[in-house]
Protein backbone atom coordinates (compact mmCIF):
# COMPACT_ATOMS: atom_id res chain seq x y z
CA MET A 1 -10.30 12.06 19.50
CA ASP A 2 -8.75 9.45 21.83
CA ILE A 3 -5.81 7.14 21.27
CA THR A 4 -8.08 4.07 20.92
CA LEU A 5 -9.86 5.49 17.88
CA LEU A 6 -6.52 6.58 16.39
CA THR A 7 -5.25 3.02 16.84
CA ILE A 8 -8.29 1.53 15.10
CA ASN A 9 -8.06 3.98 12.22
CA ASN A 10 -4.32 3.51 11.88
CA VAL A 11 -4.54 -0.28 11.85
CA TRP A 12 -7.12 -0.08 9.05
CA MET A 13 -4.88 2.28 7.09
CA MET A 14 -1.89 -0.03 7.56
CA LEU A 15 -3.99 -2.96 6.34
CA CYS A 16 -4.98 -0.93 3.28
CA THR A 17 -1.33 -0.06 2.71
CA ALA A 18 -0.51 -3.77 2.69
CA LEU A 19 -3.30 -4.42 0.19
CA VAL A 20 -2.05 -1.69 -2.14
CA PHE A 21 1.47 -3.15 -1.87
CA PHE A 22 0.01 -6.55 -2.79
CA MET A 23 -1.38 -4.95 -5.96
CA HIS A 24 2.15 -4.74 -7.34
CA LEU A 25 2.22 -8.53 -7.47
CA GLY A 26 -1.09 -8.36 -9.33
CA PHE A 27 0.29 -5.91 -11.88
CA SER A 28 3.35 -8.13 -12.35
CA LEU A 29 1.30 -11.26 -12.98
CA VAL A 30 -1.07 -9.51 -15.39
CA GLU A 31 1.87 -8.15 -17.35
CA ILE A 32 3.81 -11.41 -17.65
CA GLY A 33 0.64 -13.39 -18.34
CA PHE A 34 -0.38 -11.20 -21.28
CA THR A 35 3.12 -11.20 -22.80
CA ARG A 36 5.55 -13.86 -24.02
CA GLN A 37 7.61 -16.08 -21.77
CA LYS A 38 10.94 -14.89 -23.20
CA ASN A 39 10.39 -11.50 -21.50
CA ALA A 40 9.01 -12.62 -18.13
CA ILE A 41 12.12 -11.90 -16.05
CA ASN A 42 12.51 -8.49 -17.66
CA ILE A 43 8.96 -7.58 -16.69
CA LEU A 44 9.36 -8.86 -13.13
CA PHE A 45 12.62 -6.94 -12.77
CA LYS A 46 10.92 -3.71 -13.85
CA ASN A 47 8.08 -4.15 -11.38
CA VAL A 48 10.39 -4.93 -8.46
CA PHE A 49 12.53 -1.93 -9.41
CA ILE A 50 9.48 0.35 -9.58
CA ILE A 51 8.25 -0.34 -6.05
CA SER A 52 11.77 -0.23 -4.61
CA ILE A 53 12.95 3.02 -6.20
CA GLY A 54 9.46 4.50 -5.91
CA LEU A 55 9.48 4.25 -2.12
CA ILE A 56 12.98 5.70 -1.85
CA LEU A 57 12.16 8.61 -4.17
CA TYR A 58 8.90 9.29 -2.36
CA ALA A 59 10.71 9.32 0.99
CA LEU A 60 13.51 11.59 -0.21
CA ILE A 61 11.51 14.10 -2.25
CA GLY A 62 8.05 13.04 -3.44
CA PHE A 63 6.10 13.16 -0.17
CA ASN A 64 7.29 16.66 0.72
CA LEU A 65 6.84 17.81 -2.87
CA MET A 66 3.24 16.60 -2.88
CA TYR A 67 2.24 17.75 0.65
CA PRO A 68 1.40 20.29 1.82
CA GLY A 69 0.56 22.77 -0.89
CA SER A 70 1.02 23.02 -4.60
CA PHE A 71 4.08 23.12 -6.80
CA ILE A 72 2.14 25.67 -8.82
CA GLY A 73 0.21 28.17 -6.74
CA GLY A 74 1.65 27.07 -3.39
CA VAL A 75 4.19 28.64 -1.09
CA MET A 76 7.44 27.85 -2.86
CA PRO A 77 9.78 28.41 0.14
CA ASP A 78 8.16 25.43 1.87
CA TYR A 79 9.81 23.15 -0.66
CA PHE A 80 13.26 24.48 0.09
CA ILE A 81 12.82 24.18 3.85
CA ASN A 82 11.81 20.51 4.08
CA LEU A 83 12.23 19.12 0.58
CA PHE A 84 14.48 16.15 1.30
CA GLY A 85 13.59 13.27 3.61
CA LEU A 86 10.83 12.64 6.12
CA SER A 87 10.45 15.14 8.96
CA LEU A 88 8.18 13.85 11.71
CA PRO A 89 6.04 16.73 12.99
CA GLU A 90 5.48 17.14 16.72
CA ASN A 91 1.94 15.79 16.45
CA GLY A 92 2.82 13.15 13.84
CA LEU A 93 2.09 10.15 16.09
CA SER A 94 -0.83 11.66 18.00
CA PRO A 95 -4.59 12.04 17.38
CA ALA A 96 -3.90 15.66 16.46
CA TYR A 97 -2.36 14.56 13.14
CA ALA A 98 -4.78 14.11 10.19
CA ASP A 99 -7.83 14.35 12.47
CA GLY A 100 -6.81 11.12 14.15
CA GLY A 101 -7.15 9.05 10.98
CA TYR A 102 -3.59 7.77 10.92
CA THR A 103 -0.04 8.69 11.88
CA TYR A 104 2.49 10.61 9.82
CA TYR A 105 4.45 7.49 8.93
CA THR A 106 1.32 5.60 7.86
CA ASP A 107 0.37 8.62 5.76
CA PHE A 108 3.72 8.48 3.96
CA LEU A 109 3.66 4.74 3.37
CA PHE A 110 0.07 4.63 2.08
CA GLN A 111 0.71 7.51 -0.33
CA GLY A 112 4.04 6.00 -1.36
CA MET A 113 2.31 2.85 -2.59
CA PHE A 114 0.18 5.01 -4.88
CA ALA A 115 3.22 6.82 -6.29
CA ALA A 116 4.84 3.67 -7.67
CA THR A 117 1.66 2.70 -9.52
CA ALA A 118 2.09 5.40 -12.18
CA ALA A 119 5.27 3.81 -13.57
CA THR A 120 3.82 0.31 -13.23
CA ILE A 121 1.07 1.28 -15.65
CA VAL A 122 3.66 2.40 -18.20
CA SER A 123 5.62 -0.84 -17.76
CA GLY A 124 2.78 -2.94 -19.16
CA ALA A 125 2.23 -0.76 -22.20
CA VAL A 126 5.91 -0.78 -23.24
CA ALA A 127 6.54 -4.44 -22.47
CA GLU A 128 8.79 -6.61 -24.65
CA ARG A 129 10.73 -3.90 -26.50
CA ILE A 130 11.94 -1.10 -24.22
CA LYS A 131 15.51 -0.90 -22.96
CA LEU A 132 15.63 -1.65 -19.25
CA SER A 133 18.09 1.17 -18.56
CA SER A 134 15.86 3.66 -20.38
CA PHE A 135 12.80 2.55 -18.48
CA MET A 136 14.63 2.93 -15.18
CA ILE A 137 15.73 6.46 -16.08
CA PHE A 138 12.14 7.34 -17.02
CA THR A 139 10.88 5.94 -13.71
CA LEU A 140 13.27 8.11 -11.73
CA PHE A 141 11.87 11.30 -13.23
CA TYR A 142 8.22 10.30 -13.54
CA VAL A 143 7.77 8.85 -10.07
CA GLY A 144 10.20 11.24 -8.40
CA LEU A 145 8.87 14.47 -9.89
CA ILE A 146 5.90 14.29 -12.25
CA TYR A 147 3.52 12.22 -10.12
CA PRO A 148 3.96 14.24 -6.91
CA ILE A 149 3.69 17.56 -8.76
CA ALA A 150 0.42 16.51 -10.42
CA GLY A 151 -0.87 15.10 -7.13
CA SER A 152 -0.05 18.31 -5.28
CA TRP A 153 -2.49 20.20 -7.47
CA GLN A 154 -5.41 18.40 -5.80
CA TRP A 155 -4.43 16.28 -2.82
CA GLY A 156 -1.69 18.68 -1.71
CA GLY A 157 -3.97 21.71 -1.60
CA GLY A 158 -3.07 23.15 -5.01
CA PHE A 159 -5.10 24.99 -7.59
CA LEU A 160 -7.36 22.08 -8.56
CA SER A 161 -8.46 21.67 -4.95
CA SER A 162 -9.51 25.33 -4.83
CA LEU A 163 -11.72 25.22 -7.94
CA GLY A 164 -15.22 26.25 -6.96
CA ASN A 165 -14.15 27.91 -3.71
CA GLN A 166 -16.27 30.87 -2.70
CA VAL A 167 -15.93 33.45 0.08
CA ASN A 168 -19.00 34.22 2.22
CA GLU A 169 -19.91 37.51 3.85
CA LEU A 170 -17.71 36.66 6.85
CA GLY A 171 -14.67 36.19 4.68
CA GLU A 172 -14.71 32.42 5.17
CA THR A 173 -13.85 30.10 2.30
CA ILE A 174 -16.62 27.67 1.42
CA LYS A 175 -16.61 24.97 -1.22
CA GLU A 176 -19.85 23.98 -2.91
CA ALA A 177 -18.33 22.30 -5.96
CA GLY A 178 -14.95 21.74 -7.55
CA PHE A 179 -12.68 19.13 -9.05
CA TYR A 180 -13.04 15.82 -7.26
CA ASP A 181 -10.95 12.67 -7.49
CA PHE A 182 -11.49 10.43 -4.49
CA ALA A 183 -8.73 7.86 -4.99
CA GLY A 184 -7.03 8.71 -8.26
CA SER A 185 -8.82 7.90 -11.52
CA THR A 186 -7.02 10.97 -12.86
CA LEU A 187 -4.28 11.65 -10.32
CA VAL A 188 -2.91 8.09 -10.35
CA HIS A 189 -4.30 6.09 -13.27
CA SER A 190 -4.43 8.67 -16.02
CA VAL A 191 -1.05 10.05 -14.91
CA GLY A 192 0.35 6.64 -15.81
CA GLY A 193 -1.94 6.27 -18.81
CA TRP A 194 -0.86 9.51 -20.51
CA ALA A 195 2.80 8.53 -20.18
CA ALA A 196 2.00 5.05 -21.51
CA LEU A 197 0.38 6.61 -24.58
CA ILE A 198 3.45 8.74 -25.33
CA ALA A 199 5.83 5.83 -24.68
CA VAL A 200 3.95 3.47 -27.00
CA TYR A 201 3.93 6.12 -29.73
CA LEU A 202 7.68 6.82 -29.46
CA LEU A 203 8.63 3.14 -29.18
CA GLY A 204 6.61 1.75 -32.03
CA SER A 205 4.95 -1.66 -32.14
CA ARG A 206 6.52 -5.03 -31.43
CA ILE A 207 7.90 -6.96 -34.39
CA GLY A 208 5.07 -8.96 -35.94
CA LYS A 209 2.21 -7.09 -34.25
CA PHE A 210 1.07 -5.22 -37.37
CA LYS A 211 1.66 -6.88 -40.72
CA LYS A 212 2.30 -5.11 -44.01
CA ASN A 213 -1.13 -6.08 -45.33
CA GLY A 214 -2.70 -4.17 -42.46
CA LYS A 215 -3.80 -7.26 -40.55
CA LEU A 216 -3.03 -7.85 -36.90
CA GLY A 217 -0.29 -10.29 -36.03
CA VAL A 218 -0.94 -12.82 -33.27
CA LEU A 219 1.38 -12.36 -30.29
CA PRO A 220 -0.46 -14.34 -27.61
CA GLY A 221 0.31 -14.06 -23.93
CA HIS A 222 2.10 -17.12 -22.60
CA ASN A 223 0.18 -17.66 -19.36
CA ILE A 224 -3.42 -16.50 -19.12
CA PRO A 225 -3.93 -18.31 -15.77
CA LEU A 226 -1.24 -16.03 -14.29
CA ALA A 227 -2.95 -12.99 -15.81
CA THR A 228 -6.24 -14.10 -14.27
CA ALA A 229 -4.62 -14.52 -10.88
CA GLY A 230 -3.13 -11.05 -11.28
CA VAL A 231 -6.50 -9.46 -11.98
CA LEU A 232 -8.11 -11.15 -8.98
CA ILE A 233 -5.23 -9.95 -6.79
CA LEU A 234 -5.74 -6.43 -8.14
CA TRP A 235 -9.46 -6.63 -7.39
CA LEU A 236 -8.62 -7.60 -3.81
CA GLY A 237 -5.95 -4.90 -3.56
CA TRP A 238 -8.43 -2.27 -4.74
CA PHE A 239 -10.28 -2.71 -1.45
CA GLY A 240 -7.20 -1.08 0.09
CA PHE A 241 -6.68 1.38 -2.76
CA ASN A 242 -10.20 2.79 -2.49
CA GLY A 243 -11.06 1.70 1.04
CA GLY A 244 -7.94 3.32 2.45
CA SER A 245 -8.75 6.55 0.64
CA VAL A 246 -11.53 7.13 3.18
CA LEU A 247 -8.52 7.94 5.39
CA SER A 248 -10.10 6.37 8.45
CA ALA A 249 -11.99 3.24 9.48
CA GLU A 250 -15.32 5.10 9.60
CA PRO A 251 -17.80 2.23 9.07
CA GLY A 252 -20.41 3.89 6.86
CA ALA A 253 -18.04 5.51 4.37
CA THR A 254 -15.69 2.52 4.23
CA SER A 255 -18.41 -0.05 3.62
CA LEU A 256 -20.01 2.08 0.89
CA VAL A 257 -16.67 2.47 -0.90
CA LEU A 258 -15.98 -1.27 -0.79
CA VAL A 259 -19.44 -2.07 -2.16
CA THR A 260 -19.33 0.43 -5.03
CA THR A 261 -15.79 -0.68 -5.90
CA CYS A 262 -16.78 -4.35 -6.03
CA LEU A 263 -19.96 -3.78 -8.04
CA ALA A 264 -18.22 -1.60 -10.63
CA ALA A 265 -15.56 -4.27 -11.12
CA ALA A 266 -18.12 -7.02 -11.62
CA SER A 267 -20.20 -4.87 -13.95
CA GLY A 268 -17.16 -3.84 -16.00
CA GLY A 269 -16.06 -7.43 -16.51
CA LEU A 270 -19.48 -8.73 -17.44
CA THR A 271 -20.18 -5.89 -19.86
CA ALA A 272 -16.79 -6.23 -21.56
CA PHE A 273 -17.29 -9.95 -22.08
CA VAL A 274 -20.82 -9.50 -23.46
CA VAL A 275 -19.83 -6.66 -25.80
CA SER A 276 -16.72 -8.49 -27.01
CA PHE A 277 -18.75 -11.65 -27.62
CA THR A 278 -21.28 -9.64 -29.62
CA LYS A 279 -18.47 -8.05 -31.63
CA TYR A 280 -16.12 -11.00 -32.12
CA LYS A 281 -18.30 -14.11 -31.44
CA VAL A 282 -15.85 -15.59 -28.93
CA TYR A 283 -15.79 -15.72 -25.14
CA ASP A 284 -12.65 -13.61 -24.68
CA LEU A 285 -11.21 -14.00 -21.19
CA SER A 286 -8.69 -11.20 -21.73
CA MET A 287 -11.53 -8.76 -22.43
CA PHE A 288 -13.35 -10.00 -19.33
CA LEU A 289 -10.25 -9.43 -17.22
CA ASN A 290 -9.53 -5.97 -18.61
CA GLY A 291 -13.19 -5.10 -18.19
CA ILE A 292 -12.87 -5.83 -14.47
CA LEU A 293 -9.84 -3.55 -14.26
CA GLY A 294 -11.61 -0.87 -16.28
CA GLY A 295 -14.55 -0.96 -13.88
CA LEU A 296 -12.18 -0.59 -10.93
CA VAL A 297 -10.40 2.38 -12.48
CA GLY A 298 -13.71 3.95 -13.48
CA ILE A 299 -15.20 3.89 -9.98
CA THR A 300 -12.03 5.12 -8.27
CA ALA A 301 -12.70 8.84 -8.74
CA GLY A 302 -16.12 8.70 -7.11
CA ALA A 303 -16.37 5.48 -5.10
CA ASP A 304 -17.57 7.42 -2.05
CA GLN A 305 -20.05 9.46 -4.09
CA MET A 306 -22.03 6.74 -5.82
CA GLY A 307 -25.05 4.62 -5.04
CA ILE A 308 -25.43 0.99 -6.00
CA THR A 309 -27.06 1.56 -9.39
CA ASN A 310 -24.66 4.30 -10.39
CA ALA A 311 -21.65 2.12 -9.54
CA ILE A 312 -22.99 -0.64 -11.78
CA VAL A 313 -23.63 1.81 -14.63
CA ILE A 314 -20.16 3.35 -14.31
CA GLY A 315 -18.59 -0.10 -14.40
CA ALA A 316 -20.69 -1.14 -17.40
CA ILE A 317 -19.70 1.90 -19.42
CA ALA A 318 -16.06 1.25 -18.50
CA GLY A 319 -16.45 -2.29 -19.84
CA ILE A 320 -17.72 -0.93 -23.16
CA ILE A 321 -14.81 1.53 -23.27
CA ILE A 322 -12.37 -1.36 -22.83
CA VAL A 323 -13.61 -3.31 -25.86
CA PHE A 324 -13.74 -0.35 -28.23
CA GLY A 325 -10.62 1.25 -26.75
CA ILE A 326 -8.53 -1.83 -27.49
CA ALA A 327 -9.98 -2.01 -31.02
CA PHE A 328 -9.18 1.67 -31.52
CA LEU A 329 -5.54 1.25 -30.52
CA ASP A 330 -5.19 -1.64 -32.95
CA LYS A 331 -6.75 0.46 -35.70
CA VAL A 332 -4.28 3.31 -35.22
CA LYS A 333 -1.40 0.81 -34.81
CA LEU A 334 -0.48 1.59 -31.22
CA ASP A 335 0.81 -1.58 -29.60
CA ASP A 336 -0.24 -1.96 -25.96
CA PRO A 337 0.35 -5.62 -25.00
CA VAL A 338 -1.70 -5.59 -21.78
CA GLY A 339 -4.40 -2.99 -22.51
CA ALA A 340 -2.94 -0.48 -20.04
CA ILE A 341 -4.02 2.58 -22.03
CA PRO A 342 -7.73 1.66 -22.33
CA VAL A 343 -7.83 0.50 -18.70
CA HIS A 344 -5.98 3.32 -16.98
CA LEU A 345 -6.26 6.28 -19.34
CA PHE A 346 -9.59 5.87 -21.11
CA CYS A 347 -11.42 4.50 -18.07
CA GLY A 348 -9.59 6.95 -15.79
CA ILE A 349 -10.97 9.84 -17.82
CA TRP A 350 -14.42 8.27 -17.84
CA GLY A 351 -14.43 7.70 -14.09
CA THR A 352 -13.39 11.29 -13.42
CA LEU A 353 -16.13 12.68 -15.66
CA ALA A 354 -18.66 10.29 -14.10
CA VAL A 355 -18.35 12.20 -10.82
CA GLY A 356 -19.92 15.20 -12.53
CA ILE A 357 -22.70 13.04 -13.99
CA PHE A 358 -23.60 10.62 -11.18
CA GLY A 359 -21.93 11.97 -8.01
CA LYS A 360 -23.62 13.68 -5.08
CA MET A 361 -22.75 17.10 -6.51
CA ALA A 362 -23.62 16.16 -10.11
CA SER A 363 -24.28 19.21 -12.27
CA TRP A 364 -23.04 20.89 -15.41
CA GLU A 365 -20.83 23.03 -13.21
CA GLN A 366 -19.32 19.98 -11.51
CA LEU A 367 -18.78 18.28 -14.86
CA GLY A 368 -16.97 21.39 -16.02
CA TYR A 369 -14.61 21.21 -13.04
CA GLN A 370 -13.95 17.54 -13.79
CA ILE A 371 -13.10 18.39 -17.40
CA ILE A 372 -10.69 21.12 -16.22
CA GLY A 373 -8.94 18.63 -13.94
CA VAL A 374 -8.63 16.00 -16.67
CA ALA A 375 -7.32 18.57 -19.15
CA ALA A 376 -4.81 20.12 -16.73
CA VAL A 377 -3.33 16.81 -15.62
CA GLY A 378 -3.43 15.41 -19.15
CA THR A 379 -1.61 18.37 -20.68
CA PHE A 380 1.06 18.32 -17.98
CA CYS A 381 1.63 14.57 -18.25
CA LEU A 382 1.70 14.54 -22.04
CA LEU A 383 4.27 17.33 -22.21
CA SER A 384 6.44 16.08 -19.37
CA SER A 385 6.44 12.42 -20.42
CA PHE A 386 7.22 13.40 -24.02
CA ALA A 387 10.11 15.58 -22.86
CA ILE A 388 11.56 12.81 -20.69
CA LEU A 389 11.08 9.96 -23.16
CA PHE A 390 12.15 11.92 -26.25
CA THR A 391 15.33 13.01 -24.48
CA ILE A 392 16.05 9.42 -23.49
CA LYS A 393 15.36 8.26 -27.04
CA LYS A 394 17.88 10.73 -28.46
CA THR A 395 20.55 9.96 -25.87
CA ASN A 396 20.38 6.45 -24.44
CA GLY A 397 17.85 5.09 -26.93
CA LEU A 398 14.44 3.67 -26.06
CA ARG A 399 14.21 0.41 -27.93
CA VAL A 400 16.27 -2.77 -27.86
CA SER A 401 17.79 -4.14 -31.05
CA LYS A 402 15.87 -6.41 -33.43
CA GLU A 403 17.97 -9.39 -32.37
CA GLU A 404 17.32 -8.75 -28.67
CA GLU A 405 13.59 -8.38 -29.25
CA LEU A 406 13.32 -11.56 -31.30
CA GLU A 407 15.37 -13.69 -28.93
CA GLY A 408 13.90 -12.20 -25.78
CA LEU A 409 14.97 -9.62 -23.23
CA ASP A 410 15.49 -12.21 -20.51
CA ILE A 411 18.54 -13.72 -22.19
CA HIS A 412 20.03 -10.47 -23.49
CA GLU A 413 19.46 -8.15 -20.53
CA HIS A 414 19.38 -10.61 -17.63
CA GLY A 415 21.30 -13.67 -18.83
CA MET A 416 18.66 -16.11 -17.64
CA ASP A 417 15.32 -17.74 -18.48
CA ALA A 418 12.12 -17.62 -16.46
CA TYR A 419 11.46 -21.19 -17.60
CA PRO A 420 14.90 -22.67 -18.41
CA ASP A 421 13.54 -26.19 -18.97
CA PHE A 422 10.86 -25.05 -21.41
CA ARG A 423 12.48 -22.34 -23.52
CA LEU A 424 10.76 -21.65 -26.80
CA ASN A 425 12.14 -19.30 -29.42
CA GLN A 426 9.10 -17.13 -30.15
CA HIS A 427 9.51 -14.74 -33.04
């Protein structure tokens, strides 16, 4: 491996890092677009806080906690030797690091962008009624500890990565099957989705969302054009999210991943719009947009494993999941303003299982490994997020007061309006 190839690979990885960073603008726009204008600054503050504190936490503790090895089943002393801060290895800037795919610092920054995404997912689900201080406390623990621990189980060489390992007659470890999550349908998206589910349950619904007669209240988003722009930015950013997960600029693998990612997104959006039109007799743009995101999340676990047809099918099924997932949440009175739970949790689970159904190693055995991975990460995230959020609820409190919610978090928590010349009191 020469320095020229390392440079090409590293430039591609840095470009992908920039695209994943750009996704945080997409998440912000989707969230403020699907919610009311009186909470726009609050939402933007949360998203800026997430990326800022997420990078610091990942530099100080998360990166070393996640790599190399596993928090459970790894060599525990490693964590006490180099737990805090970034320690550049001797080969960290040479072709000897990561098979010449990128440098140590690029490795950290690319992975750090993923880490912040988990809390961003939760931000959308709890929008318009969570205390800012409580959300920031939650982010510290979830991004700083929970995400890297769960990630270490697979990407850090932990017990999920060793599922299916066998030893041959020479004593060499071979891997014919095992849990597989290419870019994080489970390890990123469902990690955020499980926490979002617990948070929505503990918080309760927004005032006016579910009426006493059992009917849904109408709490429309204030700027659907912004939400649309956000989804298109996320679609673009996913080229870095999945494309960078090849971990090099290898042309064949990279181009396949970009194609399957794009086709699943298009298929998810189209299917969601068709199914929602069939069900509700309206051309629902919000369903179309969430269908695109569902398709992107669904393909993320196996974007490098799928052919063209399979990518389209995976996206289509994700689109169906979006429509019925949103309807299900409404039926059980769980208030998710942006559809984060159907997109990131439901479609994250689907995408992970799809590897065992459509991937190159598709088999009942592979599907079993995928189920084990989903169950392990899900159990850990449910228990940990409940422990964190329930403790916060009993100490600092989770929810703002009725007056603050009705008048808007922007005025009460930030002392300003996103649109000072066009303030509307929305109750």
